[in-house]
C-alpha atoms as a PDB file:
ATOM      1  CA  UNK A   1      81.507  73.867 112.080  1.00  0.00           C
ATOM      2  CA  UNK A   2      83.172  71.257 113.842  1.00  0.00           C
ATOM      3  CA  UNK A   3      84.957  70.480 110.879  1.00  0.00           C
ATOM      4  CA  UNK A   4      86.324  74.092 109.966  1.00  0.00           C
ATOM      5  CA  UNK A   5      87.554  74.343 113.245  1.00  0.00           C
ATOM      6  CA  UNK A   6      89.275  71.159 113.080  1.00  0.00           C
ATOM      7  CA  UNK A   7      90.850  71.987 109.577  1.00  0.00           C
ATOM      8  CA  UNK A   8      92.011  75.186 110.773  1.00  0.00           C
ATOM      9  CA  UNK A   9      93.891  73.581 113.795  1.00  0.00           C
ATOM     10  CA  UNK A  10      95.507  71.031 111.642  1.00  0.00           C
ATOM     11  CA  UNK A  11      96.476  73.367 108.969  1.00  0.00           C
ATOM     12  CA  UNK A  12      97.735  75.897 111.607  1.00  0.00           C
ATOM     13  CA  UNK A  13      99.648  73.117 113.153  1.00  0.00           C
ATOM     14  CA  UNK A  14     101.001  71.742 109.984  1.00  0.00           C
ATOM     15  CA  UNK A  15     102.308  75.663 109.198  1.00  0.00           C
ATOM     16  CA  UNK A  16     103.665  75.970 112.561  1.00  0.00           C
ATOM     17  CA  UNK A  17     105.666  72.802 112.581  1.00  0.00           C
ATOM     18  CA  UNK A  18     106.712  73.934 109.190  1.00  0.00           C
ATOM     19  CA  UNK A  19     107.977  77.273 110.186  1.00  0.00           C
ATOM     20  CA  UNK A  20     109.914  75.704 113.059  1.00  0.00           C
ATOM     21  CA  UNK A  21     111.506  73.104 111.305  1.00  0.00           C
ATOM     22  CA  UNK A  22     112.627  75.167 108.616  1.00  0.00           C
ATOM     23  CA  UNK A  23     114.314  77.923 111.256  1.00  0.00           C
ATOM     24  CA  UNK A  24     111.856  80.443 109.959  1.00  0.00           C
ATOM     25  CA  UNK A  25     110.546  81.349 113.813  1.00  0.00           C
ATOM     26  CA  UNK A  26     114.371  82.329 114.328  1.00  0.00           C
ATOM     27  CA  UNK A  27     114.616  86.485 114.161  1.00  0.00           C
ATOM     28  CA  UNK A  28     118.110  85.797 113.559  1.00  0.00           C
ATOM     29  CA  UNK A  29     117.697  83.719 110.770  1.00  0.00           C
ATOM     30  CA  UNK A  30     115.016  86.132 108.904  1.00  0.00           C
ATOM     31  CA  UNK A  31     116.982  89.106 109.866  1.00  0.00           C
ATOM     32  CA  UNK A  32     119.926  87.487 108.213  1.00  0.00           C
ATOM     33  CA  UNK A  33     117.625  86.908 104.699  1.00  0.00           C
ATOM     34  CA  UNK A  34     117.079  90.684 104.965  1.00  0.00           C
ATOM     35  CA  UNK A  35     120.463  91.430 105.514  1.00  0.00           C
ATOM     36  CA  UNK A  36     121.590  91.844 101.807  1.00  0.00           C
ATOM     37  CA  UNK A  37     124.711  93.750 101.953  1.00  0.00           C
ATOM     38  CA  UNK A  38     126.146  93.312 105.647  1.00  0.00           C
ATOM     39  CA  UNK A  39     128.136  90.560 104.686  1.00  0.00           C
ATOM     40  CA  UNK A  40     126.089  87.873 106.594  1.00  0.00           C
ATOM     41  CA  UNK A  41     123.554  86.988 104.041  1.00  0.00           C
ATOM     42  CA  UNK A  42     121.171  83.831 104.997  1.00  0.00           C
ATOM     43  CA  UNK A  43     119.663  82.450 101.721  1.00  0.00           C
ATOM     44  CA  UNK A  44     117.397  79.793 103.796  1.00  0.00           C
ATOM     45  CA  UNK A  45     114.108  82.186 103.693  1.00  0.00           C
ATOM     46  CA  UNK A  46     114.371  82.255  99.997  1.00  0.00           C
ATOM     47  CA  UNK A  47     114.789  78.394  99.720  1.00  0.00           C
ATOM     48  CA  UNK A  48     111.716  78.279 101.704  1.00  0.00           C
ATOM     49  CA  UNK A  49     109.626  80.611  99.888  1.00  0.00           C
ATOM     50  CA  UNK A  50     110.854  78.651  96.706  1.00  0.00           C
ATOM     51  CA  UNK A  51     109.641  75.627  98.271  1.00  0.00           C
ATOM     52  CA  UNK A  52     106.198  77.251  98.931  1.00  0.00           C
ATOM     53  CA  UNK A  53     105.758  77.740  95.142  1.00  0.00           C
ATOM     54  CA  UNK A  54     105.004  74.211  94.010  1.00  0.00           C
ATOM     55  CA  UNK A  55     102.288  73.228  96.911  1.00  0.00           C
ATOM     56  CA  UNK A  56     100.848  76.716  96.048  1.00  0.00           C
ATOM     57  CA  UNK A  57     100.442  76.432  92.558  1.00  0.00           C
ATOM     58  CA  UNK A  58      98.754  72.986  92.868  1.00  0.00           C
ATOM     59  CA  UNK A  59      96.192  74.521  95.290  1.00  0.00           C
ATOM     60  CA  UNK A  60      95.346  77.158  92.772  1.00  0.00           C
ATOM     61  CA  UNK A  61      95.086  74.421  90.158  1.00  0.00           C
ATOM     62  CA  UNK A  62      92.838  72.311  92.371  1.00  0.00           C
ATOM     63  CA  UNK A  63      90.761  75.196  93.617  1.00  0.00           C
ATOM     64  CA  UNK A  64      90.129  75.903  89.942  1.00  0.00           C
ATOM     65  CA  UNK A  65      88.215  72.683  89.522  1.00  0.00           C
ATOM     66  CA  UNK A  66      86.421  73.008  92.705  1.00  0.00           C
ATOM     67  CA  UNK A  67      82.707  74.592  93.645  1.00  0.00           C
ATOM     68  CA  UNK A  68      83.402  74.820  97.272  1.00  0.00           C
ATOM     69  CA  UNK A  69      85.912  73.911  99.588  1.00  0.00           C
ATOM     70  CA  UNK A  70      85.277  70.696 101.818  1.00  0.00           C
ATOM     71  CA  UNK A  71      83.973  72.640 105.201  1.00  0.00           C
ATOM     72  CA  UNK A  72      82.579  76.392 103.832  1.00  0.00           C
ATOM     73  CA  UNK A  73      80.015  76.762 101.220  1.00  0.00           C
ATOM     74  CA  UNK A  74      82.097  79.150  98.886  1.00  0.00           C
ATOM     75  CA  UNK A  75      85.482  79.927  98.583  1.00  0.00           C
ATOM     76  CA  UNK A  76      86.592  83.358 100.039  1.00  0.00           C
ATOM     77  CA  UNK A  77      88.882  84.644  97.824  1.00  0.00           C
ATOM     78  CA  UNK A  78      89.868  88.386  97.286  1.00  0.00           C
ATOM     79  CA  UNK A  79      87.507  90.582  95.021  1.00  0.00           C
ATOM     80  CA  UNK A  80      90.084  93.179  93.823  1.00  0.00           C
ATOM     81  CA  UNK A  81      93.541  92.784  92.879  1.00  0.00           C
ATOM     82  CA  UNK A  82      94.046  96.917  93.017  1.00  0.00           C
ATOM     83  CA  UNK A  83      97.204  98.255  94.042  1.00  0.00           C
ATOM     84  CA  UNK A  84      96.909 101.346  96.152  1.00  0.00           C
ATOM     85  CA  UNK A  85      98.053 103.338  98.763  1.00  0.00           C
ATOM     86  CA  UNK A  86      96.243 101.386 101.601  1.00  0.00           C
ATOM     87  CA  UNK A  87      98.114  98.242 100.355  1.00  0.00           C
ATOM     88  CA  UNK A  88     101.410  99.614  99.636  1.00  0.00           C
ATOM     89  CA  UNK A  89     101.298 101.511 102.960  1.00  0.00           C
ATOM     90  CA  UNK A  90     100.515  98.386 104.785  1.00  0.00           C
ATOM     91  CA  UNK A  91     103.287  96.418 102.859  1.00  0.00           C
ATOM     92  CA  UNK A  92     105.675  99.312 103.871  1.00  0.00           C
ATOM     93  CA  UNK A  93     104.596  98.800 107.564  1.00  0.00           C
ATOM     94  CA  UNK A  94     104.445  95.005 107.370  1.00  0.00           C
ATOM     95  CA  UNK A  95     108.416  95.254 106.215  1.00  0.00           C
ATOM     96  CA  UNK A  96     109.764  97.655 108.661  1.00  0.00           C
ATOM     97  CA  UNK A  97     108.140  95.775 111.148  1.00  0.00           C
ATOM     98  CA  UNK A  98     109.359  92.604 110.007  1.00  0.00           C
ATOM     99  CA  UNK A  99     112.842  93.787 109.668  1.00  0.00           C
ATOM    100  CA  UNK A 100     113.117  95.063 113.149  1.00  0.00           C
ATOM    101  CA  UNK A 101     111.493  92.474 114.833  1.00  0.00           C
ATOM    102  CA  UNK A 102     112.908  89.527 112.428  1.00  0.00           C
ATOM    103  CA  UNK A 103     109.388  88.124 112.835  1.00  0.00           C
ATOM    104  CA  UNK A 104     105.661  88.006 111.065  1.00  0.00           C
ATOM    105  CA  UNK A 105     102.567  86.846 112.532  1.00  0.00           C
ATOM    106  CA  UNK A 106     102.897  83.250 111.851  1.00  0.00           C
ATOM    107  CA  UNK A 107     106.045  82.681 113.351  1.00  0.00           C
ATOM    108  CA  UNK A 108     104.802  84.883 116.080  1.00  0.00           C
ATOM    109  CA  UNK A 109     102.495  82.629 116.921  1.00  0.00           C
ATOM    110  CA  UNK A 110     104.689  79.497 116.522  1.00  0.00           C
ATOM    111  CA  UNK A 111     107.410  81.410 118.570  1.00  0.00           C
ATOM    112  CA  UNK A 112     104.853  82.247 121.617  1.00  0.00           C
ATOM    113  CA  UNK A 113     105.407  78.290 122.061  1.00  0.00           C
ATOM    114  CA  UNK A 114     109.114  78.397 121.899  1.00  0.00           C
ATOM    115  CA  UNK A 115     110.077  81.978 123.362  1.00  0.00           C
ATOM    116  CA  UNK A 116     106.989  83.348 124.897  1.00  0.00           C
ATOM    117  CA  UNK A 117     108.739  86.249 126.901  1.00  0.00           C
ATOM    118  CA  UNK A 118     110.579  88.020 123.948  1.00  0.00           C
ATOM    119  CA  UNK A 119     107.319  87.290 121.449  1.00  0.00           C
ATOM    120  CA  UNK A 120     104.558  88.251 123.668  1.00  0.00           C
ATOM    121  CA  UNK A 121     105.329  92.317 123.608  1.00  0.00           C
ATOM    122  CA  UNK A 122     105.200  91.835 119.589  1.00  0.00           C
ATOM    123  CA  UNK A 123     101.775  89.898 119.520  1.00  0.00           C
ATOM    124  CA  UNK A 124     100.537  92.380 121.527  1.00  0.00           C
ATOM    125  CA  UNK A 125     101.470  94.822 118.973  1.00  0.00           C
ATOM    126  CA  UNK A 126      99.815  92.636 116.221  1.00  0.00           C
ATOM    127  CA  UNK A 127      96.837  92.362 117.979  1.00  0.00           C
ATOM    128  CA  UNK A 128      96.749  96.164 118.501  1.00  0.00           C
ATOM    129  CA  UNK A 129      97.330  96.616 114.705  1.00  0.00           C
ATOM    130  CA  UNK A 130      94.760  93.916 114.106  1.00  0.00           C
ATOM    131  CA  UNK A 131      92.082  96.363 116.316  1.00  0.00           C
ATOM    132  CA  UNK A 132      93.209  99.620 114.910  1.00  0.00           C
ATOM    133  CA  UNK A 133      92.565  98.107 111.399  1.00  0.00           C
ATOM    134  CA  UNK A 134      89.020  96.774 112.211  1.00  0.00           C
ATOM    135  CA  UNK A 135      87.893  99.979 113.852  1.00  0.00           C
ATOM    136  CA  UNK A 136      89.359 102.337 111.333  1.00  0.00           C
ATOM    137  CA  UNK A 137      88.511 100.071 108.309  1.00  0.00           C
ATOM    138  CA  UNK A 138      84.647  99.636 108.768  1.00  0.00           C
ATOM    139  CA  UNK A 139      82.255  99.075 105.574  1.00  0.00           C
ATOM    140  CA  UNK A 140      84.690  99.810 103.234  1.00  0.00           C
END
């Protein structure tokens, strides 16, 4: 149990540092990426996403060869790949929120350390959304 917590903390810290170093905790940089036709397009986020492809591809190759992860009895992978209304609706809500706020959950948590006051409202709304999801999606 302690090993799982330590691994989660280290992974979260590495993720947060990566988001900060890449500038992805800056809402203006994210909005600049989403501004395709406004004349201020910033391709930085595209490079960050492209840079994540190689490590993730390697992780999937390693995962296929392992029976279980280091700190759990089994891998916890999605059981379905269906594209349904719930998935599309969630993606649309996520995209609208991302476009308006310029941040998503990972950068929001990192932003709590960098600029807590403007981020608290977003994180509060995010936690409310998590709670509403938990209440409305029991045993699906």
